[in-house]
Structure formats: structure tokens, C-alpha cells
PDB file of all heavy atoms in Angstrom:
ATOM      1  N   ASN A   1      -7.601 -11.239  -2.577  1.00  0.00           N
ATOM      2  CA  ASN A   1      -6.509 -11.702  -3.353  1.00  0.00           C
ATOM      3  C   ASN A   1      -6.506 -10.921  -4.665  1.00  0.00           C
ATOM      4  O   ASN A   1      -7.577 -10.881  -5.371  1.00  0.00           O
ATOM      5  CB  ASN A   1      -6.506 -13.210  -3.675  1.00  0.00           C
ATOM      6  CG  ASN A   1      -6.497 -14.021  -2.405  1.00  0.00           C
ATOM      7  OD1 ASN A   1      -5.813 -13.686  -1.438  1.00  0.00           O
ATOM      8  ND2 ASN A   1      -7.253 -15.079  -2.365  1.00  0.00           N
ATOM      9  N   LEU A   2      -5.431 -10.214  -5.025  1.00  0.00           N
ATOM     10  CA  LEU A   2      -5.419  -9.521  -6.324  1.00  0.00           C
ATOM     11  C   LEU A   2      -3.946  -9.301  -6.689  1.00  0.00           C
ATOM     12  O   LEU A   2      -3.035  -9.296  -5.883  1.00  0.00           O
ATOM     13  CB  LEU A   2      -6.149  -8.170  -6.341  1.00  0.00           C
ATOM     14  CG  LEU A   2      -5.542  -7.015  -5.538  1.00  0.00           C
ATOM     15  CD1 LEU A   2      -6.201  -5.742  -6.054  1.00  0.00           C
ATOM     16  CD2 LEU A   2      -5.785  -7.170  -4.075  1.00  0.00           C
ATOM     17  N   SER A   3      -3.751  -8.990  -8.021  1.00  0.00           N
ATOM     18  CA  SER A   3      -2.438  -8.762  -8.582  1.00  0.00           C
ATOM     19  C   SER A   3      -2.553  -7.367  -9.267  1.00  0.00           C
ATOM     20  O   SER A   3      -3.476  -7.220 -10.113  1.00  0.00           O
ATOM     21  CB  SER A   3      -2.036  -9.800  -9.572  1.00  0.00           C
ATOM     22  OG  SER A   3      -1.843 -11.101  -8.954  1.00  0.00           O
ATOM     23  N   LEU A   4      -1.617  -6.501  -8.977  1.00  0.00           N
ATOM     24  CA  LEU A   4      -1.581  -5.094  -9.546  1.00  0.00           C
ATOM     25  C   LEU A   4      -0.411  -4.950 -10.448  1.00  0.00           C
ATOM     26  O   LEU A   4       0.724  -5.278 -10.100  1.00  0.00           O
ATOM     27  CB  LEU A   4      -1.603  -3.993  -8.500  1.00  0.00           C
ATOM     28  CG  LEU A   4      -2.636  -4.148  -7.402  1.00  0.00           C
ATOM     29  CD1 LEU A   4      -2.417  -3.100  -6.320  1.00  0.00           C
ATOM     30  CD2 LEU A   4      -4.061  -3.908  -8.090  1.00  0.00           C
ATOM     31  N   PRO A   5      -0.591  -4.509 -11.730  1.00  0.00           N
ATOM     32  CA  PRO A   5       0.618  -4.357 -12.600  1.00  0.00           C
ATOM     33  C   PRO A   5       1.487  -3.189 -12.081  1.00  0.00           C
ATOM     34  O   PRO A   5       1.016  -2.096 -11.657  1.00  0.00           O
ATOM     35  CB  PRO A   5      -0.009  -3.969 -13.936  1.00  0.00           C
ATOM     36  CG  PRO A   5      -1.367  -3.404 -13.592  1.00  0.00           C
ATOM     37  CD  PRO A   5      -1.821  -4.163 -12.377  1.00  0.00           C
ATOM     38  N   ARG A   6       2.736  -3.414 -12.152  1.00  0.00           N
ATOM     39  CA  ARG A   6       3.749  -2.320 -11.761  1.00  0.00           C
ATOM     40  C   ARG A   6       3.939  -1.317 -12.803  1.00  0.00           C
ATOM     41  O   ARG A   6       3.669  -1.637 -13.992  1.00  0.00           O
ATOM     42  CB  ARG A   6       4.995  -2.969 -11.316  1.00  0.00           C
ATOM     43  CG  ARG A   6       4.928  -3.883 -10.083  1.00  0.00           C
ATOM     44  CD  ARG A   6       6.208  -4.511  -9.704  1.00  0.00           C
ATOM     45  NE  ARG A   6       7.318  -3.435  -9.513  1.00  0.00           N
ATOM     46  CZ  ARG A   6       8.463  -3.767  -8.904  1.00  0.00           C
ATOM     47  NH1 ARG A   6       8.778  -4.980  -8.623  1.00  0.00           N
ATOM     48  NH2 ARG A   6       9.341  -2.763  -8.808  1.00  0.00           N
ATOM     49  N   ASP A   7       4.466  -0.167 -12.448  1.00  0.00           N
ATOM     50  CA  ASP A   7       4.751   0.921 -13.414  1.00  0.00           C
ATOM     51  C   ASP A   7       3.531   1.315 -14.236  1.00  0.00           C
ATOM     52  O   ASP A   7       3.560   1.604 -15.323  1.00  0.00           O
ATOM     53  CB  ASP A   7       5.821   0.535 -14.367  1.00  0.00           C
ATOM     54  CG  ASP A   7       7.131   0.136 -13.593  1.00  0.00           C
ATOM     55  OD1 ASP A   7       7.427   0.797 -12.606  1.00  0.00           O
ATOM     56  OD2 ASP A   7       7.840  -0.803 -14.115  1.00  0.00           O
ATOM     57  N   ARG A   8       2.417   1.293 -13.557  1.00  0.00           N
ATOM     58  CA  ARG A   8       1.062   1.715 -14.189  1.00  0.00           C
ATOM     59  C   ARG A   8       0.412   2.658 -13.178  1.00  0.00           C
ATOM     60  O   ARG A   8       0.563   2.531 -11.947  1.00  0.00           O
ATOM     61  CB  ARG A   8       0.243   0.518 -14.477  1.00  0.00           C
ATOM     62  CG  ARG A   8       0.761  -0.346 -15.556  1.00  0.00           C
ATOM     63  CD  ARG A   8       0.717   0.245 -16.927  1.00  0.00           C
ATOM     64  NE  ARG A   8       1.123  -0.727 -17.957  1.00  0.00           N
ATOM     65  CZ  ARG A   8       2.383  -0.944 -18.279  1.00  0.00           C
ATOM     66  NH1 ARG A   8       3.413  -0.326 -17.639  1.00  0.00           N
ATOM     67  NH2 ARG A   8       2.698  -1.813 -19.287  1.00  0.00           N
ATOM     68  N   LEU A   9      -0.496   3.577 -13.733  1.00  0.00           N
ATOM     69  CA  LEU A   9      -1.269   4.375 -12.860  1.00  0.00           C
ATOM     70  C   LEU A   9      -2.608   3.611 -12.604  1.00  0.00           C
ATOM     71  O   LEU A   9      -3.303   3.170 -13.523  1.00  0.00           O
ATOM     72  CB  LEU A   9      -1.684   5.735 -13.587  1.00  0.00           C
ATOM     73  CG  LEU A   9      -2.671   6.635 -12.781  1.00  0.00           C
ATOM     74  CD1 LEU A   9      -2.091   7.126 -11.514  1.00  0.00           C
ATOM     75  CD2 LEU A   9      -3.063   7.823 -13.660  1.00  0.00           C
ATOM     76  N   ILE A  10      -2.825   3.294 -11.302  1.00  0.00           N
ATOM     77  CA  ILE A  10      -3.993   2.472 -10.961  1.00  0.00           C
ATOM     78  C   ILE A  10      -4.948   3.347 -10.142  1.00  0.00           C
ATOM     79  O   ILE A  10      -4.571   4.003  -9.162  1.00  0.00           O
ATOM     80  CB  ILE A  10      -3.562   1.305 -10.077  1.00  0.00           C
ATOM     81  CG1 ILE A  10      -2.521   0.401 -10.877  1.00  0.00           C
ATOM     82  CG2 ILE A  10      -4.738   0.431  -9.555  1.00  0.00           C
ATOM     83  CD1 ILE A  10      -1.946  -0.705 -10.148  1.00  0.00           C
ATOM     84  N   VAL A  11      -6.277   3.279 -10.526  1.00  0.00           N
ATOM     85  CA  VAL A  11      -7.295   4.016  -9.819  1.00  0.00           C
ATOM     86  C   VAL A  11      -8.153   2.968  -9.094  1.00  0.00           C
ATOM     87  O   VAL A  11      -8.690   2.032  -9.729  1.00  0.00           O
ATOM     88  CB  VAL A  11      -8.124   4.880 -10.789  1.00  0.00           C
ATOM     89  CG1 VAL A  11      -9.273   5.548  -9.966  1.00  0.00           C
ATOM     90  CG2 VAL A  11      -7.218   5.888 -11.516  1.00  0.00           C
ATOM     91  N   ILE A  12      -8.352   3.152  -7.812  1.00  0.00           N
ATOM     92  CA  ILE A  12      -9.174   2.263  -7.018  1.00  0.00           C
ATOM     93  C   ILE A  12     -10.528   2.968  -6.752  1.00  0.00           C
ATOM     94  O   ILE A  12     -10.609   4.072  -6.154  1.00  0.00           O
ATOM     95  CB  ILE A  12      -8.545   1.852  -5.672  1.00  0.00           C
ATOM     96  CG1 ILE A  12      -7.188   1.234  -5.957  1.00  0.00           C
ATOM     97  CG2 ILE A  12      -9.370   0.935  -4.877  1.00  0.00           C
ATOM     98  CD1 ILE A  12      -6.368   0.971  -4.687  1.00  0.00           C
ATOM     99  N   THR A  13     -11.616   2.307  -7.280  1.00  0.00           N
ATOM    100  CA  THR A  13     -12.940   2.979  -7.128  1.00  0.00           C
ATOM    101  C   THR A  13     -13.860   2.019  -6.375  1.00  0.00           C
ATOM    102  O   THR A  13     -13.581   0.812  -6.243  1.00  0.00           O
ATOM    103  CB  THR A  13     -13.514   3.325  -8.468  1.00  0.00           C
ATOM    104  OG1 THR A  13     -13.731   2.128  -9.269  1.00  0.00           O
ATOM    105  CG2 THR A  13     -12.630   4.231  -9.284  1.00  0.00           C
ATOM    106  N   GLY A  14     -14.936   2.559  -5.906  1.00  0.00           N
ATOM    107  CA  GLY A  14     -15.944   1.737  -5.254  1.00  0.00           C
ATOM    108  C   GLY A  14     -16.849   2.527  -4.360  1.00  0.00           C
ATOM    109  O   GLY A  14     -16.604   3.789  -4.142  1.00  0.00           O
ATOM    110  N   LEU A  15     -17.826   1.943  -3.738  1.00  0.00           N
ATOM    111  CA  LEU A  15     -18.733   2.568  -2.889  1.00  0.00           C
ATOM    112  C   LEU A  15     -18.034   3.011  -1.579  1.00  0.00           C
ATOM    113  O   LEU A  15     -16.996   2.456  -1.247  1.00  0.00           O
ATOM    114  CB  LEU A  15     -19.899   1.701  -2.539  1.00  0.00           C
ATOM    115  CG  LEU A  15     -20.844   1.218  -3.722  1.00  0.00           C
ATOM    116  CD1 LEU A  15     -21.838   0.245  -3.237  1.00  0.00           C
ATOM    117  CD2 LEU A  15     -21.520   2.410  -4.332  1.00  0.00           C
ATOM    118  N   SER A  16     -18.616   3.997  -0.905  1.00  0.00           N
ATOM    119  CA  SER A  16     -18.086   4.441   0.332  1.00  0.00           C
ATOM    120  C   SER A  16     -18.096   3.297   1.348  1.00  0.00           C
ATOM    121  O   SER A  16     -19.116   2.665   1.525  1.00  0.00           O
ATOM    122  CB  SER A  16     -18.916   5.604   0.864  1.00  0.00           C
ATOM    123  OG  SER A  16     -18.424   6.043   2.137  1.00  0.00           O
ATOM    124  N   GLY A  17     -16.989   3.023   1.999  1.00  0.00           N
ATOM    125  CA  GLY A  17     -16.910   1.972   2.995  1.00  0.00           C
ATOM    126  C   GLY A  17     -16.591   0.615   2.404  1.00  0.00           C
ATOM    127  O   GLY A  17     -16.537  -0.385   3.144  1.00  0.00           O
ATOM    128  N   SER A  18     -16.289   0.574   1.159  1.00  0.00           N
ATOM    129  CA  SER A  18     -15.952  -0.690   0.444  1.00  0.00           C
ATOM    130  C   SER A  18     -14.528  -1.161   0.717  1.00  0.00           C
ATOM    131  O   SER A  18     -14.151  -2.205   0.389  1.00  0.00           O
ATOM    132  CB  SER A  18     -16.195  -0.638  -1.012  1.00  0.00           C
ATOM    133  OG  SER A  18     -15.433   0.329  -1.595  1.00  0.00           O
ATOM    134  N   GLY A  19     -13.683  -0.232   1.296  1.00  0.00           N
ATOM    135  CA  GLY A  19     -12.306  -0.591   1.639  1.00  0.00           C
ATOM    136  C   GLY A  19     -11.249  -0.055   0.664  1.00  0.00           C
ATOM    137  O   GLY A  19     -10.138  -0.530   0.623  1.00  0.00           O
ATOM    138  N   LYS A  20     -11.541   0.998  -0.035  1.00  0.00           N
ATOM    139  CA  LYS A  20     -10.552   1.589  -0.986  1.00  0.00           C
ATOM    140  C   LYS A  20      -9.385   2.103  -0.261  1.00  0.00           C
ATOM    141  O   LYS A  20      -8.197   1.726  -0.596  1.00  0.00           O
ATOM    142  CB  LYS A  20     -11.202   2.706  -1.794  1.00  0.00           C
ATOM    143  CG  LYS A  20     -12.447   2.284  -2.601  1.00  0.00           C
ATOM    144  CD  LYS A  20     -12.966   3.408  -3.441  1.00  0.00           C
ATOM    145  CE  LYS A  20     -13.439   4.611  -2.592  1.00  0.00           C
ATOM    146  NZ  LYS A  20     -14.456   4.355  -1.671  1.00  0.00           N
ATOM    147  N   SER A  21      -9.621   3.002   0.747  1.00  0.00           N
ATOM    148  CA  SER A  21      -8.471   3.538   1.472  1.00  0.00           C
ATOM    149  C   SER A  21      -7.778   2.454   2.284  1.00  0.00           C
ATOM    150  O   SER A  21      -6.481   2.532   2.379  1.00  0.00           O
ATOM    151  CB  SER A  21      -9.034   4.623   2.426  1.00  0.00           C
ATOM    152  OG  SER A  21      -9.575   5.668   1.711  1.00  0.00           O
ATOM    153  N   THR A  22      -8.472   1.469   2.808  1.00  0.00           N
ATOM    154  CA  THR A  22      -7.819   0.372   3.545  1.00  0.00           C
ATOM    155  C   THR A  22      -6.839  -0.323   2.709  1.00  0.00           C
ATOM    156  O   THR A  22      -5.723  -0.681   3.111  1.00  0.00           O
ATOM    157  CB  THR A  22      -8.902  -0.552   4.144  1.00  0.00           C
ATOM    158  OG1 THR A  22      -9.735   0.167   5.024  1.00  0.00           O
ATOM    159  CG2 THR A  22      -8.222  -1.706   4.883  1.00  0.00           C
ATOM    160  N   LEU A  23      -7.247  -0.657   1.424  1.00  0.00           N
ATOM    161  CA  LEU A  23      -6.362  -1.411   0.529  1.00  0.00           C
ATOM    162  C   LEU A  23      -5.174  -0.540   0.154  1.00  0.00           C
ATOM    163  O   LEU A  23      -4.054  -1.031   0.203  1.00  0.00           O
ATOM    164  CB  LEU A  23      -7.200  -1.755  -0.706  1.00  0.00           C
ATOM    165  CG  LEU A  23      -6.315  -2.506  -1.823  1.00  0.00           C
ATOM    166  CD1 LEU A  23      -5.773  -3.837  -1.283  1.00  0.00           C
ATOM    167  CD2 LEU A  23      -7.208  -2.759  -3.005  1.00  0.00           C
ATOM    168  N   ALA A  24      -5.405   0.689  -0.204  1.00  0.00           N
ATOM    169  CA  ALA A  24      -4.295   1.586  -0.779  1.00  0.00           C
ATOM    170  C   ALA A  24      -3.315   2.016   0.395  1.00  0.00           C
ATOM    171  O   ALA A  24      -2.161   1.874   0.195  1.00  0.00           O
ATOM    172  CB  ALA A  24      -4.872   2.766  -1.505  1.00  0.00           C
ATOM    173  N   PHE A  25      -3.939   2.528   1.487  1.00  0.00           N
ATOM    174  CA  PHE A  25      -3.054   3.080   2.465  1.00  0.00           C
ATOM    175  C   PHE A  25      -2.686   2.177   3.653  1.00  0.00           C
ATOM    176  O   PHE A  25      -1.566   2.069   4.020  1.00  0.00           O
ATOM    177  CB  PHE A  25      -3.693   4.440   3.043  1.00  0.00           C
ATOM    178  CG  PHE A  25      -3.798   5.555   1.952  1.00  0.00           C
ATOM    179  CD1 PHE A  25      -5.017   5.852   1.418  1.00  0.00           C
ATOM    180  CD2 PHE A  25      -2.700   6.163   1.504  1.00  0.00           C
ATOM    181  CE1 PHE A  25      -5.155   6.769   0.445  1.00  0.00           C
ATOM    182  CE2 PHE A  25      -2.819   7.175   0.632  1.00  0.00           C
ATOM    183  CZ  PHE A  25      -4.044   7.490   0.020  1.00  0.00           C
ATOM    184  N   ASP A  26      -3.757   1.462   4.187  1.00  0.00           N
ATOM    185  CA  ASP A  26      -3.490   0.716   5.362  1.00  0.00           C
ATOM    186  C   ASP A  26      -2.962  -0.645   5.053  1.00  0.00           C
ATOM    187  O   ASP A  26      -2.503  -1.325   5.992  1.00  0.00           O
ATOM    188  CB  ASP A  26      -4.836   0.574   6.106  1.00  0.00           C
ATOM    189  CG  ASP A  26      -5.444   1.874   6.626  1.00  0.00           C
ATOM    190  OD1 ASP A  26      -4.609   2.816   6.803  1.00  0.00           O
ATOM    191  OD2 ASP A  26      -6.673   2.026   6.670  1.00  0.00           O
ATOM    192  N   THR A  27      -2.903  -1.049   3.778  1.00  0.00           N
ATOM    193  CA  THR A  27      -2.274  -2.354   3.398  1.00  0.00           C
ATOM    194  C   THR A  27      -1.112  -2.163   2.565  1.00  0.00           C
ATOM    195  O   THR A  27       0.063  -2.469   3.036  1.00  0.00           O
ATOM    196  CB  THR A  27      -3.323  -3.186   2.739  1.00  0.00           C
ATOM    197  OG1 THR A  27      -4.527  -3.313   3.585  1.00  0.00           O
ATOM    198  CG2 THR A  27      -2.819  -4.620   2.425  1.00  0.00           C
ATOM    199  N   ILE A  28      -1.224  -1.655   1.346  1.00  0.00           N
ATOM    200  CA  ILE A  28      -0.122  -1.583   0.412  1.00  0.00           C
ATOM    201  C   ILE A  28       0.909  -0.559   0.872  1.00  0.00           C
ATOM    202  O   ILE A  28       2.129  -0.875   0.994  1.00  0.00           O
ATOM    203  CB  ILE A  28      -0.579  -1.250  -1.006  1.00  0.00           C
ATOM    204  CG1 ILE A  28      -1.626  -2.342  -1.476  1.00  0.00           C
ATOM    205  CG2 ILE A  28       0.542  -1.166  -1.958  1.00  0.00           C
ATOM    206  CD1 ILE A  28      -2.237  -2.013  -2.841  1.00  0.00           C
ATOM    207  N   TYR A  29       0.438   0.671   1.144  1.00  0.00           N
ATOM    208  CA  TYR A  29       1.411   1.708   1.558  1.00  0.00           C
ATOM    209  C   TYR A  29       2.036   1.375   2.880  1.00  0.00           C
ATOM    210  O   TYR A  29       3.264   1.534   3.149  1.00  0.00           O
ATOM    211  CB  TYR A  29       0.654   3.055   1.636  1.00  0.00           C
ATOM    212  CG  TYR A  29       1.483   4.095   2.360  1.00  0.00           C
ATOM    213  CD1 TYR A  29       2.702   4.569   1.837  1.00  0.00           C
ATOM    214  CD2 TYR A  29       1.031   4.626   3.615  1.00  0.00           C
ATOM    215  CE1 TYR A  29       3.425   5.560   2.525  1.00  0.00           C
ATOM    216  CE2 TYR A  29       1.795   5.576   4.303  1.00  0.00           C
ATOM    217  CZ  TYR A  29       2.991   6.011   3.790  1.00  0.00           C
ATOM    218  OH  TYR A  29       3.702   6.941   4.407  1.00  0.00           O
ATOM    219  N   ALA A  30       1.243   0.901   3.857  1.00  0.00           N
ATOM    220  CA  ALA A  30       1.704   0.540   5.103  1.00  0.00           C
ATOM    221  C   ALA A  30       2.861  -0.462   5.155  1.00  0.00           C
ATOM    222  O   ALA A  30       3.872  -0.402   5.827  1.00  0.00           O
ATOM    223  CB  ALA A  30       0.604   0.185   6.125  1.00  0.00           C
ATOM    224  N   GLU A  31       2.676  -1.526   4.356  1.00  0.00           N
ATOM    225  CA  GLU A  31       3.630  -2.559   4.249  1.00  0.00           C
ATOM    226  C   GLU A  31       4.907  -2.082   3.571  1.00  0.00           C
ATOM    227  O   GLU A  31       6.023  -2.349   3.948  1.00  0.00           O
ATOM    228  CB  GLU A  31       3.091  -3.770   3.436  1.00  0.00           C
ATOM    229  CG  GLU A  31       4.048  -4.937   3.220  1.00  0.00           C
ATOM    230  CD  GLU A  31       4.516  -5.582   4.590  1.00  0.00           C
ATOM    231  OE1 GLU A  31       3.922  -5.235   5.570  1.00  0.00           O
ATOM    232  OE2 GLU A  31       5.425  -6.399   4.473  1.00  0.00           O
ATOM    233  N   GLY A  32       4.720  -1.212   2.486  1.00  0.00           N
ATOM    234  CA  GLY A  32       5.934  -0.705   1.830  1.00  0.00           C
ATOM    235  C   GLY A  32       6.713   0.163   2.756  1.00  0.00           C
ATOM    236  O   GLY A  32       7.954   0.177   2.795  1.00  0.00           O
ATOM    237  N   GLN A  33       6.014   1.018   3.561  1.00  0.00           N
ATOM    238  CA  GLN A  33       6.687   1.956   4.484  1.00  0.00           C
ATOM    239  C   GLN A  33       7.399   1.121   5.586  1.00  0.00           C
ATOM    240  O   GLN A  33       8.598   1.367   5.996  1.00  0.00           O
ATOM    241  CB  GLN A  33       5.701   2.905   5.141  1.00  0.00           C
ATOM    242  CG  GLN A  33       6.316   3.918   6.045  1.00  0.00           C
ATOM    243  CD  GLN A  33       5.303   4.783   6.788  1.00  0.00           C
ATOM    244  OE1 GLN A  33       4.347   4.135   7.353  1.00  0.00           O
ATOM    245  NE2 GLN A  33       5.450   6.062   6.749  1.00  0.00           N
ATOM    246  N   ARG A  34       6.760   0.010   6.058  1.00  0.00           N
ATOM    247  CA  ARG A  34       7.317  -0.853   7.121  1.00  0.00           C
ATOM    248  C   ARG A  34       8.651  -1.463   6.648  1.00  0.00           C
ATOM    249  O   ARG A  34       9.681  -1.559   7.330  1.00  0.00           O
ATOM    250  CB  ARG A  34       6.332  -1.886   7.550  1.00  0.00           C
ATOM    251  CG  ARG A  34       6.717  -2.737   8.768  1.00  0.00           C
ATOM    252  CD  ARG A  34       5.799  -3.862   9.026  1.00  0.00           C
ATOM    253  NE  ARG A  34       5.821  -4.832   7.909  1.00  0.00           N
ATOM    254  CZ  ARG A  34       6.712  -5.826   7.883  1.00  0.00           C
ATOM    255  NH1 ARG A  34       7.621  -5.913   8.794  1.00  0.00           N
ATOM    256  NH2 ARG A  34       6.649  -6.691   6.834  1.00  0.00           N
ATOM    257  N   ARG A  35       8.593  -1.926   5.421  1.00  0.00           N
ATOM    258  CA  ARG A  35       9.792  -2.641   4.910  1.00  0.00           C
ATOM    259  C   ARG A  35      10.920  -1.618   4.721  1.00  0.00           C
ATOM    260  O   ARG A  35      12.104  -1.955   4.951  1.00  0.00           O
ATOM    261  CB  ARG A  35       9.503  -3.271   3.542  1.00  0.00           C
ATOM    262  CG  ARG A  35       8.441  -4.415   3.714  1.00  0.00           C
ATOM    263  CD  ARG A  35       8.253  -5.088   2.349  1.00  0.00           C
ATOM    264  NE  ARG A  35       7.303  -6.119   2.436  1.00  0.00           N
ATOM    265  CZ  ARG A  35       6.901  -6.893   1.351  1.00  0.00           C
ATOM    266  NH1 ARG A  35       7.447  -6.749   0.158  1.00  0.00           N
ATOM    267  NH2 ARG A  35       5.959  -7.793   1.571  1.00  0.00           N
ATOM    268  N   TYR A  36      10.579  -0.357   4.285  1.00  0.00           N
ATOM    269  CA  TYR A  36      11.603   0.672   4.131  1.00  0.00           C
ATOM    270  C   TYR A  36      12.304   0.995   5.480  1.00  0.00           C
ATOM    271  O   TYR A  36      13.477   1.056   5.596  1.00  0.00           O
ATOM    272  CB  TYR A  36      11.034   1.928   3.540  1.00  0.00           C
ATOM    273  CG  TYR A  36      11.988   3.069   3.475  1.00  0.00           C
ATOM    274  CD1 TYR A  36      13.130   3.022   2.651  1.00  0.00           C
ATOM    275  CD2 TYR A  36      11.759   4.200   4.315  1.00  0.00           C
ATOM    276  CE1 TYR A  36      14.009   4.109   2.642  1.00  0.00           C
ATOM    277  CE2 TYR A  36      12.655   5.261   4.312  1.00  0.00           C
ATOM    278  CZ  TYR A  36      13.811   5.229   3.427  1.00  0.00           C
ATOM    279  OH  TYR A  36      14.656   6.196   3.492  1.00  0.00           O
ATOM    280  N   VAL A  37      11.379   1.157   6.539  1.00  0.00           N
ATOM    281  CA  VAL A  37      11.962   1.470   7.834  1.00  0.00           C
ATOM    282  C   VAL A  37      12.859   0.312   8.362  1.00  0.00           C
ATOM    283  O   VAL A  37      13.914   0.547   8.937  1.00  0.00           O
ATOM    284  CB  VAL A  37      10.849   1.770   8.830  1.00  0.00           C
ATOM    285  CG1 VAL A  37      11.432   1.935  10.266  1.00  0.00           C
ATOM    286  CG2 VAL A  37      10.151   3.031   8.420  1.00  0.00           C
ATOM    287  N   GLU A  38      12.446  -0.910   8.059  1.00  0.00           N
ATOM    288  CA  GLU A  38      13.271  -2.089   8.595  1.00  0.00           C
ATOM    289  C   GLU A  38      14.607  -2.199   7.865  1.00  0.00           C
ATOM    290  O   GLU A  38      15.568  -2.832   8.380  1.00  0.00           O
ATOM    291  CB  GLU A  38      12.484  -3.335   8.377  1.00  0.00           C
ATOM    292  CG  GLU A  38      11.329  -3.539   9.409  1.00  0.00           C
ATOM    293  CD  GLU A  38      10.699  -4.858   9.291  1.00  0.00           C
ATOM    294  OE1 GLU A  38      10.898  -5.602   8.303  1.00  0.00           O
ATOM    295  OE2 GLU A  38       9.841  -5.262  10.194  1.00  0.00           O
ATOM    296  N   SER A  39      14.642  -1.576   6.689  1.00  0.00           N
ATOM    297  CA  SER A  39      15.895  -1.699   5.895  1.00  0.00           C
ATOM    298  C   SER A  39      16.977  -0.658   6.436  1.00  0.00           C
ATOM    299  O   SER A  39      18.159  -0.752   6.077  1.00  0.00           O
ATOM    300  CB  SER A  39      15.634  -1.368   4.376  1.00  0.00           C
ATOM    301  OG  SER A  39      15.333   0.023   4.207  1.00  0.00           O
ATOM    302  N   LEU A  40      16.575   0.260   7.278  1.00  0.00           N
ATOM    303  CA  LEU A  40      17.468   1.271   7.799  1.00  0.00           C
ATOM    304  C   LEU A  40      18.290   0.694   9.010  1.00  0.00           C
ATOM    305  O   LEU A  40      17.933  -0.382   9.523  1.00  0.00           O
ATOM    306  CB  LEU A  40      16.725   2.486   8.214  1.00  0.00           C
ATOM    307  CG  LEU A  40      15.843   3.191   7.213  1.00  0.00           C
ATOM    308  CD1 LEU A  40      15.102   4.331   7.893  1.00  0.00           C
ATOM    309  CD2 LEU A  40      16.727   3.814   6.038  1.00  0.00           C
ATOM    310  N   SER A  41      19.364   1.355   9.326  1.00  0.00           N
ATOM    311  CA  SER A  41      20.177   0.931  10.398  1.00  0.00           C
ATOM    312  C   SER A  41      19.414   1.086  11.782  1.00  0.00           C
ATOM    313  O   SER A  41      18.447   1.818  11.826  1.00  0.00           O
ATOM    314  CB  SER A  41      21.438   1.812  10.492  1.00  0.00           C
ATOM    315  OG  SER A  41      21.123   3.132  10.837  1.00  0.00           O
ATOM    316  N   ALA A  42      19.865   0.409  12.726  1.00  0.00           N
ATOM    317  CA  ALA A  42      19.251   0.501  14.073  1.00  0.00           C
ATOM    318  C   ALA A  42      19.347   1.883  14.644  1.00  0.00           C
ATOM    319  O   ALA A  42      18.386   2.367  15.272  1.00  0.00           O
ATOM    320  CB  ALA A  42      19.969  -0.536  15.039  1.00  0.00           C
ATOM    321  N   TYR A  43      20.401   2.617  14.277  1.00  0.00           N
ATOM    322  CA  TYR A  43      20.512   4.023  14.758  1.00  0.00           C
ATOM    323  C   TYR A  43      19.431   4.872  14.125  1.00  0.00           C
ATOM    324  O   TYR A  43      18.791   5.702  14.814  1.00  0.00           O
ATOM    325  CB  TYR A  43      21.918   4.562  14.414  1.00  0.00           C
ATOM    326  CG  TYR A  43      22.061   5.963  14.786  1.00  0.00           C
ATOM    327  CD1 TYR A  43      22.359   6.381  16.094  1.00  0.00           C
ATOM    328  CD2 TYR A  43      21.978   6.994  13.823  1.00  0.00           C
ATOM    329  CE1 TYR A  43      22.544   7.711  16.419  1.00  0.00           C
ATOM    330  CE2 TYR A  43      22.180   8.330  14.091  1.00  0.00           C
ATOM    331  CZ  TYR A  43      22.434   8.677  15.377  1.00  0.00           C
ATOM    332  OH  TYR A  43      22.634   9.987  15.728  1.00  0.00           O
ATOM    333  N   ALA A  44      19.233   4.676  12.837  1.00  0.00           N
ATOM    334  CA  ALA A  44      18.196   5.521  12.136  1.00  0.00           C
ATOM    335  C   ALA A  44      16.778   5.184  12.632  1.00  0.00           C
ATOM    336  O   ALA A  44      15.920   6.061  12.748  1.00  0.00           O
ATOM    337  CB  ALA A  44      18.315   5.404  10.636  1.00  0.00           C
TER     338      ALA A  44
END
């Protein structure tokens, strides 16, 4: 559980395997991309 400030440059650091890429790409980015695709028309 965490809250990230918007309109800020955020750096995620930690040990290898701690889940940095999972949080940034597989969770936050993936959900944003999914919502964007769902907003498109059925044809697109």
C-alpha cells in the first residue's frame, strides 16, 4: 500500500529482486495502459 505524489519525478530504488520493476512497469504502467486501451472504441 502506498501513495505517490502526482506531477513529480519519482525514483524507485532497492535491492535486486525487491520488486522495483514489478511496481513501476507490471503494476502502475500496466494498469494505466489497460485503462487507456479500454477507453478506445471496439474497432480500435
